[in-house]
Amino acid sequence: MAPPANRRSGYSRRAQYTNFFAYAAGVAGALLGVALLVVSFARPEIFTGLRTVAADLTAPVSQATATGREASKSFLSTITGFLEAGSQHAKLTRELDEAKVRLVEAEAIETENRRLKALLGLATQGPRPVAVTRLTSSTAASTRRFATLAAGQDKGIVKGMPVRSSMGLVGRVLDVGATTSRVLLITDTESLVPVRRGKDGVPAFAQGSGDGTIRIKLINLGLNPLRTGDVFVTSGSGGLYKPGTPVAIVTGLTRDGALARVLSNPSDTDYVIVDSLFAPEPPPPGEQTMPEQP
C-alpha cells in the first residue's frame, strides 16, 4: 500500500530538523532586523561606511543604467521628432504662406496709401474738385477705350467733365448714371485733346490710337521739333481741360508728330479726380483810344 501524500514531520527526523532550523533562521533574521533598525535610529552614522562601500560597488551598474536611460530617451526623442517632422513642416509652410500673404497685403495697403496721399495733395491744389472716386474698371483690349467710375449724379458729375489721376489726364466723362459714370479714355480713337510741349509750349493735338497709346499731331507742319522723352500737357485751348495737366511722353517720332505713351495708365489707377469744366478767361478788352482833335 502506497504511503500517504501528506505525511507528518514526526515520521522523519530529517524533516523535523529542517523545520526547526527554518524556524530558528526566521526568528534570528527577525531579531537581527529589529536590532539593525534600532541601531539605525540610535546610531545612524554606523552604517555610513557600509552605504559608501555599497555605493562604490554599485557605481558601474548605476552608470550603465543611466547611460542606457539617456540613450533610450534620445532614441525616443529622435523617433518622436521624425514622426512629428511632417506635421511641423506642414505647419511652418502654412505659416510662411500666411506671412507672405500678409506681407503682400501690407505692401498693397502702403502703395494705396501713397497714391491716396498724392491724390489728396493734388486735390488740394487749384479749384475744388467735383468728386474724388474709385475707377472701378477699364477696357483691357478693344479699339474703343472706356472706364467706369463709382460716382455719378449723386456726386454732382455731369457729362464732359475731365478726369485725372495723380499721374495725369485719364479722359472725360461720356455718360452719367445715378451712381456710376462712363469715361472716354484719352487712348480712345474718338478722343482729341489740345496739348502743348511742357518745356516750350509747342502746340499739338493728342489723339488716341485705340491700342493704349496716343499720337501727337503738330499744328504747325514743317520741321519736326519733337524729341523722344518730351512731355506733353494740356494746353487749355477750347476749354474743357484746364491747362498744365500731364498727358503723355514721346516714345517715337513720325513725319507729322510723334507716338506717345500715356502717363496715367487706367489699369494702374485706383482713384481719380473729377474736375469741373474749364472755361478760359476772356482776354481783357483793349483800351480804346480817342482820335486826336485837329
C-alpha atoms as a PDB file:
ATOM      1  CA  MET A   1       0.000   0.000   0.000  1.00  0.00           C
ATOM      2  CA  ALA A   2       1.409   3.469  -1.019  1.00  0.00           C
ATOM      3  CA  PRO A   3       2.312   5.988   1.748  1.00  0.00           C
ATOM      4  CA  PRO A   4       0.005   8.983   2.165  1.00  0.00           C
ATOM      5  CA  ALA A   5       0.957  12.237   0.358  1.00  0.00           C
ATOM      6  CA  ASN A   6       0.699  14.445   3.493  1.00  0.00           C
ATOM      7  CA  ARG A   7       2.998  12.790   5.970  1.00  0.00           C
ATOM      8  CA  ARG A   8       3.632  14.477   9.299  1.00  0.00           C
ATOM      9  CA  SER A   9       7.196  15.548  10.131  1.00  0.00           C
ATOM     10  CA  GLY A  10       7.181  13.282  13.111  1.00  0.00           C
ATOM     11  CA  TYR A  11       7.670  10.324  10.879  1.00  0.00           C
ATOM     12  CA  SER A  12      11.085  11.735   9.625  1.00  0.00           C
ATOM     13  CA  ARG A  13      13.859  13.103  11.785  1.00  0.00           C
ATOM     14  CA  ARG A  14      15.369  14.978   8.817  1.00  0.00           C
ATOM     15  CA  ALA A  15      12.121  16.813   8.223  1.00  0.00           C
ATOM     16  CA  GLN A  16      11.925  17.711  11.879  1.00  0.00           C
ATOM     17  CA  TYR A  17      15.454  19.194  11.784  1.00  0.00           C
ATOM     18  CA  THR A  18      14.673  21.115   8.609  1.00  0.00           C
ATOM     19  CA  ASN A  19      11.599  22.673  10.145  1.00  0.00           C
ATOM     20  CA  PHE A  20      13.471  23.536  13.308  1.00  0.00           C
ATOM     21  CA  PHE A  21      16.341  25.288  11.508  1.00  0.00           C
ATOM     22  CA  ALA A  22      13.916  27.136   9.243  1.00  0.00           C
ATOM     23  CA  TYR A  23      12.018  28.489  12.248  1.00  0.00           C
ATOM     24  CA  ALA A  24      15.270  29.315  14.012  1.00  0.00           C
ATOM     25  CA  ALA A  25      16.657  31.165  10.944  1.00  0.00           C
ATOM     26  CA  GLY A  26      13.446  33.121  10.598  1.00  0.00           C
ATOM     27  CA  VAL A  27      13.446  34.156  14.248  1.00  0.00           C
ATOM     28  CA  ALA A  28      17.162  35.038  14.095  1.00  0.00           C
ATOM     29  CA  GLY A  29      16.603  37.100  10.930  1.00  0.00           C
ATOM     30  CA  ALA A  30      13.715  38.934  12.536  1.00  0.00           C
ATOM     31  CA  LEU A  31      15.741  39.662  15.660  1.00  0.00           C
ATOM     32  CA  LEU A  32      18.685  40.836  13.524  1.00  0.00           C
ATOM     33  CA  GLY A  33      16.411  43.121  11.532  1.00  0.00           C
ATOM     34  CA  VAL A  34      14.952  44.586  14.703  1.00  0.00           C
ATOM     35  CA  ALA A  35      18.449  45.088  16.087  1.00  0.00           C
ATOM     36  CA  LEU A  36      19.644  46.813  12.895  1.00  0.00           C
ATOM     37  CA  LEU A  37      16.556  49.002  12.845  1.00  0.00           C
ATOM     38  CA  VAL A  38      17.161  50.061  16.435  1.00  0.00           C
ATOM     39  CA  VAL A  39      20.821  50.775  15.702  1.00  0.00           C
ATOM     40  CA  SER A  40      19.927  52.777  12.572  1.00  0.00           C
ATOM     41  CA  PHE A  41      17.695  55.033  14.654  1.00  0.00           C
ATOM     42  CA  ALA A  42      20.071  55.216  17.614  1.00  0.00           C
ATOM     43  CA  ARG A  43      23.442  55.428  15.778  1.00  0.00           C
ATOM     44  CA  PRO A  44      22.825  56.144  12.070  1.00  0.00           C
ATOM     45  CA  GLU A  45      26.486  57.050  11.458  1.00  0.00           C
ATOM     46  CA  ILE A  46      27.496  53.400  11.948  1.00  0.00           C
ATOM     47  CA  PHE A  47      26.045  52.492   8.534  1.00  0.00           C
ATOM     48  CA  THR A  48      27.751  55.378   6.650  1.00  0.00           C
ATOM     49  CA  GLY A  49      30.733  53.277   5.723  1.00  0.00           C
ATOM     50  CA  LEU A  50      28.556  50.407   4.579  1.00  0.00           C
ATOM     51  CA  ARG A  51      26.470  52.709   2.434  1.00  0.00           C
ATOM     52  CA  THR A  52      29.619  54.210   0.877  1.00  0.00           C
ATOM     53  CA  VAL A  53      31.043  50.790   0.098  1.00  0.00           C
ATOM     54  CA  ALA A  54      27.723  49.664  -1.363  1.00  0.00           C
ATOM     55  CA  ALA A  55      27.535  52.822  -3.499  1.00  0.00           C
ATOM     56  CA  ASP A  56      31.087  52.242  -4.777  1.00  0.00           C
ATOM     57  CA  LEU A  57      30.306  48.637  -5.620  1.00  0.00           C
ATOM     58  CA  THR A  58      27.108  49.525  -7.466  1.00  0.00           C
ATOM     59  CA  ALA A  59      28.531  52.647  -9.241  1.00  0.00           C
ATOM     60  CA  PRO A  60      29.370  50.825 -12.546  1.00  0.00           C
ATOM     61  CA  VAL A  61      25.896  49.362 -12.643  1.00  0.00           C
ATOM     62  CA  SER A  62      24.339  52.776 -11.908  1.00  0.00           C
ATOM     63  CA  GLN A  63      26.399  54.440 -14.655  1.00  0.00           C
ATOM     64  CA  ALA A  64      25.455  51.751 -17.134  1.00  0.00           C
ATOM     65  CA  THR A  65      21.794  52.171 -16.182  1.00  0.00           C
ATOM     66  CA  ALA A  66      21.982  55.986 -16.539  1.00  0.00           C
ATOM     67  CA  THR A  67      23.674  55.663 -19.940  1.00  0.00           C
ATOM     68  CA  GLY A  68      21.015  53.262 -21.112  1.00  0.00           C
ATOM     69  CA  ARG A  69      18.287  55.563 -19.832  1.00  0.00           C
ATOM     70  CA  GLU A  70      19.761  58.578 -21.664  1.00  0.00           C
ATOM     71  CA  ALA A  71      20.191  56.536 -24.839  1.00  0.00           C
ATOM     72  CA  SER A  72      16.592  55.367 -24.679  1.00  0.00           C
ATOM     73  CA  LYS A  73      15.357  58.932 -24.135  1.00  0.00           C
ATOM     74  CA  SER A  74      17.446  60.166 -27.072  1.00  0.00           C
ATOM     75  CA  PHE A  75      16.159  57.342 -29.243  1.00  0.00           C
ATOM     76  CA  LEU A  76      12.557  58.073 -28.267  1.00  0.00           C
ATOM     77  CA  SER A  77      13.091  61.792 -28.913  1.00  0.00           C
ATOM     78  CA  THR A  78      14.518  61.011 -32.338  1.00  0.00           C
ATOM     79  CA  ILE A  79      11.615  58.759 -33.218  1.00  0.00           C
ATOM     80  CA  THR A  80       9.100  61.312 -31.932  1.00  0.00           C
ATOM     81  CA  GLY A  81      10.779  64.122 -33.865  1.00  0.00           C
ATOM     82  CA  PHE A  82      10.806  62.020 -37.018  1.00  0.00           C
ATOM     83  CA  LEU A  83       7.117  61.228 -36.642  1.00  0.00           C
ATOM     84  CA  GLU A  84       6.242  64.892 -35.935  1.00  0.00           C
ATOM     85  CA  ALA A  85       8.558  66.341 -38.620  1.00  0.00           C
ATOM     86  CA  GLY A  86       5.893  66.082 -41.318  1.00  0.00           C
ATOM     87  CA  SER A  87       3.209  67.914 -39.352  1.00  0.00           C
ATOM     88  CA  GLN A  88       5.691  70.545 -38.147  1.00  0.00           C
ATOM     89  CA  HIS A  89       6.943  71.108 -41.695  1.00  0.00           C
ATOM     90  CA  ALA A  90       3.369  71.476 -42.946  1.00  0.00           C
ATOM     91  CA  LYS A  91       2.597  73.912 -40.116  1.00  0.00           C
ATOM     92  CA  LEU A  92       5.706  76.016 -40.827  1.00  0.00           C
ATOM     93  CA  THR A  93       4.929  76.008 -44.548  1.00  0.00           C
ATOM     94  CA  ARG A  94       1.369  77.172 -43.838  1.00  0.00           C
ATOM     95  CA  GLU A  95       2.617  79.917 -41.506  1.00  0.00           C
ATOM     96  CA  LEU A  96       5.160  81.024 -44.136  1.00  0.00           C
ATOM     97  CA  ASP A  97       2.462  81.214 -46.815  1.00  0.00           C
ATOM     98  CA  GLU A  98       0.237  83.219 -44.473  1.00  0.00           C
ATOM     99  CA  ALA A  99       3.132  85.554 -43.688  1.00  0.00           C
ATOM    100  CA  LYS A 100       3.745  86.083 -47.417  1.00  0.00           C
ATOM    101  CA  VAL A 101       0.075  86.936 -47.916  1.00  0.00           C
ATOM    102  CA  ARG A 102       0.177  89.395 -45.013  1.00  0.00           C
ATOM    103  CA  LEU A 103       3.328  90.963 -46.492  1.00  0.00           C
ATOM    104  CA  VAL A 104       1.676  91.381 -49.893  1.00  0.00           C
ATOM    105  CA  GLU A 105      -1.405  92.895 -48.234  1.00  0.00           C
ATOM    106  CA  ALA A 106       0.787  95.316 -46.276  1.00  0.00           C
ATOM    107  CA  GLU A 107       2.652  96.342 -49.440  1.00  0.00           C
ATOM    108  CA  ALA A 108      -0.643  96.828 -51.290  1.00  0.00           C
ATOM    109  CA  ILE A 109      -2.002  98.969 -48.442  1.00  0.00           C
ATOM    110  CA  GLU A 110       1.196 101.018 -48.389  1.00  0.00           C
ATOM    111  CA  THR A 111       1.016 101.559 -52.160  1.00  0.00           C
ATOM    112  CA  GLU A 112      -2.655 102.562 -51.968  1.00  0.00           C
ATOM    113  CA  ASN A 113      -1.946 104.958 -49.102  1.00  0.00           C
ATOM    114  CA  ARG A 114       0.864 106.534 -51.099  1.00  0.00           C
ATOM    115  CA  ARG A 115      -1.448 107.021 -54.081  1.00  0.00           C
ATOM    116  CA  LEU A 116      -4.190 108.458 -51.894  1.00  0.00           C
ATOM    117  CA  LYS A 117      -1.760 110.897 -50.289  1.00  0.00           C
ATOM    118  CA  ALA A 118      -0.569 112.020 -53.726  1.00  0.00           C
ATOM    119  CA  LEU A 119      -4.165 112.336 -54.881  1.00  0.00           C
ATOM    120  CA  LEU A 120      -5.109 114.260 -51.741  1.00  0.00           C
ATOM    121  CA  GLY A 121      -2.242 116.665 -52.287  1.00  0.00           C
ATOM    122  CA  LEU A 122      -3.341 117.093 -55.896  1.00  0.00           C
ATOM    123  CA  ALA A 123      -6.954 117.697 -54.884  1.00  0.00           C
ATOM    124  CA  THR A 124      -5.977 120.495 -52.509  1.00  0.00           C
ATOM    125  CA  GLN A 125      -4.264 122.429 -55.297  1.00  0.00           C
ATOM    126  CA  GLY A 126      -6.262 124.704 -57.545  1.00  0.00           C
ATOM    127  CA  PRO A 127     -10.078 124.721 -57.751  1.00  0.00           C
ATOM    128  CA  ARG A 128     -12.037 122.342 -55.566  1.00  0.00           C
ATOM    129  CA  PRO A 129     -12.698 119.065 -57.460  1.00  0.00           C
ATOM    130  CA  VAL A 130     -16.220 117.846 -58.087  1.00  0.00           C
ATOM    131  CA  ALA A 131     -15.509 114.334 -56.784  1.00  0.00           C
ATOM    132  CA  VAL A 132     -12.710 112.007 -55.761  1.00  0.00           C
ATOM    133  CA  THR A 133     -13.792 108.468 -56.561  1.00  0.00           C
ATOM    134  CA  ARG A 134     -12.613 104.993 -57.473  1.00  0.00           C
ATOM    135  CA  LEU A 135     -12.024 103.891 -61.050  1.00  0.00           C
ATOM    136  CA  THR A 136     -13.728 100.509 -60.920  1.00  0.00           C
ATOM    137  CA  SER A 137     -12.964  99.135 -64.387  1.00  0.00           C
ATOM    138  CA  SER A 138     -11.415  99.958 -67.756  1.00  0.00           C
ATOM    139  CA  THR A 139     -11.299  98.462 -71.236  1.00  0.00           C
ATOM    140  CA  ALA A 140      -8.424  95.977 -71.483  1.00  0.00           C
ATOM    141  CA  ALA A 141      -8.331  95.135 -75.204  1.00  0.00           C
ATOM    142  CA  SER A 142     -10.529  96.934 -77.738  1.00  0.00           C
ATOM    143  CA  THR A 143     -10.384  99.698 -80.314  1.00  0.00           C
ATOM    144  CA  ARG A 144     -12.753 101.636 -78.046  1.00  0.00           C
ATOM    145  CA  ARG A 145     -11.384 102.608 -74.663  1.00  0.00           C
ATOM    146  CA  PHE A 146     -13.725 103.327 -71.761  1.00  0.00           C
ATOM    147  CA  ALA A 147     -13.596 103.269 -67.968  1.00  0.00           C
ATOM    148  CA  THR A 148     -16.206 103.229 -65.212  1.00  0.00           C
ATOM    149  CA  LEU A 149     -16.306 105.444 -62.128  1.00  0.00           C
ATOM    150  CA  ALA A 150     -18.032 104.665 -58.839  1.00  0.00           C
ATOM    151  CA  ALA A 151     -19.766 108.056 -58.802  1.00  0.00           C
ATOM    152  CA  GLY A 152     -22.443 109.713 -60.887  1.00  0.00           C
ATOM    153  CA  GLN A 153     -25.235 112.194 -60.450  1.00  0.00           C
ATOM    154  CA  ASP A 154     -25.143 111.563 -56.702  1.00  0.00           C
ATOM    155  CA  LYS A 155     -21.735 113.321 -56.613  1.00  0.00           C
ATOM    156  CA  GLY A 156     -22.660 116.136 -58.990  1.00  0.00           C
ATOM    157  CA  ILE A 157     -20.863 114.735 -62.040  1.00  0.00           C
ATOM    158  CA  VAL A 158     -22.077 115.871 -65.458  1.00  0.00           C
ATOM    159  CA  LYS A 159     -21.168 114.925 -68.997  1.00  0.00           C
ATOM    160  CA  GLY A 160     -17.913 116.331 -70.354  1.00  0.00           C
ATOM    161  CA  MET A 161     -16.061 116.763 -67.039  1.00  0.00           C
ATOM    162  CA  PRO A 162     -12.332 115.910 -67.240  1.00  0.00           C
ATOM    163  CA  VAL A 163     -10.989 113.020 -65.211  1.00  0.00           C
ATOM    164  CA  ARG A 164      -7.415 112.876 -63.947  1.00  0.00           C
ATOM    165  CA  SER A 165      -5.244 110.930 -61.529  1.00  0.00           C
ATOM    166  CA  SER A 166      -2.108 111.766 -59.604  1.00  0.00           C
ATOM    167  CA  MET A 167      -0.099 110.880 -62.734  1.00  0.00           C
ATOM    168  CA  GLY A 168      -2.036 112.825 -65.339  1.00  0.00           C
ATOM    169  CA  LEU A 169      -5.120 113.071 -67.535  1.00  0.00           C
ATOM    170  CA  VAL A 170      -7.307 109.961 -67.780  1.00  0.00           C
ATOM    171  CA  GLY A 171     -10.164 111.134 -70.017  1.00  0.00           C
ATOM    172  CA  ARG A 172     -13.526 112.868 -69.869  1.00  0.00           C
ATOM    173  CA  VAL A 173     -16.968 111.837 -68.680  1.00  0.00           C
ATOM    174  CA  LEU A 174     -19.046 110.459 -71.545  1.00  0.00           C
ATOM    175  CA  ASP A 175     -22.215 109.187 -69.827  1.00  0.00           C
ATOM    176  CA  VAL A 176     -23.549 109.758 -66.311  1.00  0.00           C
ATOM    177  CA  GLY A 177     -25.795 107.457 -64.302  1.00  0.00           C
ATOM    178  CA  ALA A 178     -27.262 107.719 -60.848  1.00  0.00           C
ATOM    179  CA  THR A 179     -24.229 106.238 -59.044  1.00  0.00           C
ATOM    180  CA  THR A 180     -21.769 105.470 -61.881  1.00  0.00           C
ATOM    181  CA  SER A 181     -20.197 107.257 -64.832  1.00  0.00           C
ATOM    182  CA  ARG A 182     -18.580 106.122 -68.077  1.00  0.00           C
ATOM    183  CA  VAL A 183     -15.331 107.788 -69.081  1.00  0.00           C
ATOM    184  CA  LEU A 184     -13.914 108.154 -72.590  1.00  0.00           C
ATOM    185  CA  LEU A 185     -10.195 107.487 -72.142  1.00  0.00           C
ATOM    186  CA  ILE A 186      -7.634 109.619 -73.964  1.00  0.00           C
ATOM    187  CA  THR A 187      -6.383 106.440 -75.709  1.00  0.00           C
ATOM    188  CA  ASP A 188      -9.733 106.024 -77.490  1.00  0.00           C
ATOM    189  CA  THR A 189      -9.789 106.803 -81.216  1.00  0.00           C
ATOM    190  CA  GLU A 190     -12.569 109.369 -80.679  1.00  0.00           C
ATOM    191  CA  SER A 191     -10.545 111.304 -78.070  1.00  0.00           C
ATOM    192  CA  LEU A 192      -8.809 114.502 -79.198  1.00  0.00           C
ATOM    193  CA  VAL A 193      -7.073 116.649 -76.566  1.00  0.00           C
ATOM    194  CA  PRO A 194      -5.343 120.009 -77.221  1.00  0.00           C
ATOM    195  CA  VAL A 195      -1.829 119.748 -75.787  1.00  0.00           C
ATOM    196  CA  ARG A 196       1.479 121.560 -75.776  1.00  0.00           C
ATOM    197  CA  ARG A 197       5.041 120.533 -75.105  1.00  0.00           C
ATOM    198  CA  GLY A 198       5.826 121.195 -71.493  1.00  0.00           C
ATOM    199  CA  LYS A 199       9.211 122.871 -71.904  1.00  0.00           C
ATOM    200  CA  ASP A 200       8.437 125.388 -74.648  1.00  0.00           C
ATOM    201  CA  GLY A 201       4.710 125.244 -75.441  1.00  0.00           C
ATOM    202  CA  VAL A 202       4.822 123.707 -78.942  1.00  0.00           C
ATOM    203  CA  PRO A 203       1.086 123.238 -79.732  1.00  0.00           C
ATOM    204  CA  ALA A 204      -0.359 119.942 -80.894  1.00  0.00           C
ATOM    205  CA  PHE A 205      -3.277 117.547 -80.575  1.00  0.00           C
ATOM    206  CA  ALA A 206      -3.201 114.198 -78.733  1.00  0.00           C
ATOM    207  CA  GLN A 207      -5.399 111.629 -80.464  1.00  0.00           C
ATOM    208  CA  GLY A 208      -5.967 108.092 -79.185  1.00  0.00           C
ATOM    209  CA  SER A 209      -4.760 105.188 -81.297  1.00  0.00           C
ATOM    210  CA  GLY A 210      -7.065 102.558 -79.814  1.00  0.00           C
ATOM    211  CA  ASP A 211      -4.143 100.354 -78.761  1.00  0.00           C
ATOM    212  CA  GLY A 212      -3.252 102.015 -75.442  1.00  0.00           C
ATOM    213  CA  THR A 213      -1.049 104.715 -76.985  1.00  0.00           C
ATOM    214  CA  ILE A 214      -1.722 108.152 -78.466  1.00  0.00           C
ATOM    215  CA  ARG A 215      -0.469 110.073 -81.473  1.00  0.00           C
ATOM    216  CA  ILE A 216       0.847 113.613 -81.136  1.00  0.00           C
ATOM    217  CA  LYS A 217      -0.099 115.663 -84.200  1.00  0.00           C
ATOM    218  CA  LEU A 218       1.591 119.014 -84.610  1.00  0.00           C
ATOM    219  CA  ILE A 219      -0.490 122.032 -85.568  1.00  0.00           C
ATOM    220  CA  ASN A 220       2.328 123.795 -87.381  1.00  0.00           C
ATOM    221  CA  LEU A 221       3.659 121.436 -90.048  1.00  0.00           C
ATOM    222  CA  GLY A 222       7.231 121.648 -91.181  1.00  0.00           C
ATOM    223  CA  LEU A 223      10.435 120.603 -89.457  1.00  0.00           C
ATOM    224  CA  ASN A 224       9.509 118.212 -86.638  1.00  0.00           C
ATOM    225  CA  PRO A 225      10.936 119.728 -83.412  1.00  0.00           C
ATOM    226  CA  LEU A 226       9.899 116.852 -81.140  1.00  0.00           C
ATOM    227  CA  ARG A 227      12.336 114.533 -79.374  1.00  0.00           C
ATOM    228  CA  THR A 228      11.959 111.239 -77.556  1.00  0.00           C
ATOM    229  CA  GLY A 229      11.201 111.905 -73.907  1.00  0.00           C
ATOM    230  CA  ASP A 230       9.274 115.153 -74.482  1.00  0.00           C
ATOM    231  CA  VAL A 231       6.345 115.527 -72.074  1.00  0.00           C
ATOM    232  CA  PHE A 232       3.050 116.978 -73.270  1.00  0.00           C
ATOM    233  CA  VAL A 233       0.456 118.657 -71.053  1.00  0.00           C
ATOM    234  CA  THR A 234      -2.987 120.022 -71.699  1.00  0.00           C
ATOM    235  CA  SER A 235      -2.970 123.485 -73.249  1.00  0.00           C
ATOM    236  CA  GLY A 236      -6.443 124.608 -72.136  1.00  0.00           C
ATOM    237  CA  SER A 237      -7.367 125.680 -75.673  1.00  0.00           C
ATOM    238  CA  GLY A 238     -11.084 125.493 -76.362  1.00  0.00           C
ATOM    239  CA  GLY A 239     -11.944 124.938 -72.719  1.00  0.00           C
ATOM    240  CA  LEU A 240     -12.932 121.580 -71.141  1.00  0.00           C
ATOM    241  CA  TYR A 241      -9.412 120.629 -69.926  1.00  0.00           C
ATOM    242  CA  LYS A 242      -7.598 123.034 -67.658  1.00  0.00           C
ATOM    243  CA  PRO A 243      -4.010 123.782 -68.780  1.00  0.00           C
ATOM    244  CA  GLY A 244      -0.960 122.085 -67.314  1.00  0.00           C
ATOM    245  CA  THR A 245      -2.306 118.557 -66.697  1.00  0.00           C
ATOM    246  CA  PRO A 246       0.285 115.922 -67.785  1.00  0.00           C
ATOM    247  CA  VAL A 247      -0.876 113.778 -70.686  1.00  0.00           C
ATOM    248  CA  ALA A 248       1.851 111.699 -72.340  1.00  0.00           C
ATOM    249  CA  ILE A 249       5.558 111.238 -73.002  1.00  0.00           C
ATOM    250  CA  VAL A 250       7.007 110.821 -76.505  1.00  0.00           C
ATOM    251  CA  THR A 251       8.366 107.343 -77.323  1.00  0.00           C
ATOM    252  CA  GLY A 252       8.899 107.669 -81.105  1.00  0.00           C
ATOM    253  CA  LEU A 253       8.748 110.205 -83.924  1.00  0.00           C
ATOM    254  CA  THR A 254       6.532 110.326 -87.006  1.00  0.00           C
ATOM    255  CA  ARG A 255       6.514 112.577 -90.074  1.00  0.00           C
ATOM    256  CA  ASP A 256       3.958 114.976 -88.637  1.00  0.00           C
ATOM    257  CA  GLY A 257       4.398 114.407 -84.909  1.00  0.00           C
ATOM    258  CA  ALA A 258       5.159 111.541 -82.572  1.00  0.00           C
ATOM    259  CA  LEU A 259       3.922 108.419 -80.862  1.00  0.00           C
ATOM    260  CA  ALA A 260       3.499 108.748 -77.110  1.00  0.00           C
ATOM    261  CA  ARG A 261       2.748 106.712 -74.008  1.00  0.00           C
ATOM    262  CA  VAL A 262       0.086 107.953 -71.614  1.00  0.00           C
ATOM    263  CA  LEU A 263       1.356 108.890 -68.181  1.00  0.00           C
ATOM    264  CA  SER A 264      -1.778 107.810 -66.329  1.00  0.00           C
ATOM    265  CA  ASN A 265      -2.423 104.172 -67.226  1.00  0.00           C
ATOM    266  CA  PRO A 266      -6.031 103.279 -66.292  1.00  0.00           C
ATOM    267  CA  SER A 267      -5.049  99.703 -65.405  1.00  0.00           C
ATOM    268  CA  ASP A 268      -2.717 101.073 -62.707  1.00  0.00           C
ATOM    269  CA  THR A 269      -5.101 103.754 -61.447  1.00  0.00           C
ATOM    270  CA  ASP A 270      -7.296 103.161 -58.399  1.00  0.00           C
ATOM    271  CA  TYR A 271      -8.645 106.613 -57.550  1.00  0.00           C
ATOM    272  CA  VAL A 272      -9.288 109.606 -59.816  1.00  0.00           C
ATOM    273  CA  ILE A 273     -10.367 113.220 -59.539  1.00  0.00           C
ATOM    274  CA  VAL A 274     -13.305 114.583 -61.492  1.00  0.00           C
ATOM    275  CA  ASP A 275     -12.831 118.287 -62.192  1.00  0.00           C
ATOM    276  CA  SER A 276     -15.356 120.861 -63.239  1.00  0.00           C
ATOM    277  CA  LEU A 277     -15.395 122.029 -66.838  1.00  0.00           C
ATOM    278  CA  PHE A 278     -12.648 124.507 -67.575  1.00  0.00           C
ATOM    279  CA  ALA A 279     -13.685 127.839 -69.024  1.00  0.00           C
ATOM    280  CA  PRO A 280     -10.791 130.042 -70.158  1.00  0.00           C
ATOM    281  CA  GLU A 281     -10.968 133.609 -69.016  1.00  0.00           C
ATOM    282  CA  PRO A 282     -11.676 136.067 -71.862  1.00  0.00           C
ATOM    283  CA  PRO A 283      -8.806 138.411 -72.671  1.00  0.00           C
ATOM    284  CA  PRO A 284      -9.136 141.844 -71.145  1.00  0.00           C
ATOM    285  CA  PRO A 285     -10.663 144.387 -73.544  1.00  0.00           C
ATOM    286  CA  GLY A 286      -8.138 146.658 -75.224  1.00  0.00           C
ATOM    287  CA  GLU A 287      -8.004 150.275 -74.312  1.00  0.00           C
ATOM    288  CA  GLN A 288      -9.969 152.424 -76.741  1.00  0.00           C
ATOM    289  CA  THR A 289      -8.007 155.444 -77.897  1.00  0.00           C
ATOM    290  CA  MET A 290      -9.746 158.650 -78.807  1.00  0.00           C
ATOM    291  CA  PRO A 291      -8.758 160.260 -82.103  1.00  0.00           C
ATOM    292  CA  GLU A 292      -6.717 163.394 -81.759  1.00  0.00           C
ATOM    293  CA  GLN A 293      -8.554 166.668 -82.318  1.00  0.00           C
ATOM    294  CA  PRO A 294      -7.215 168.791 -85.101  1.00  0.00           C
END
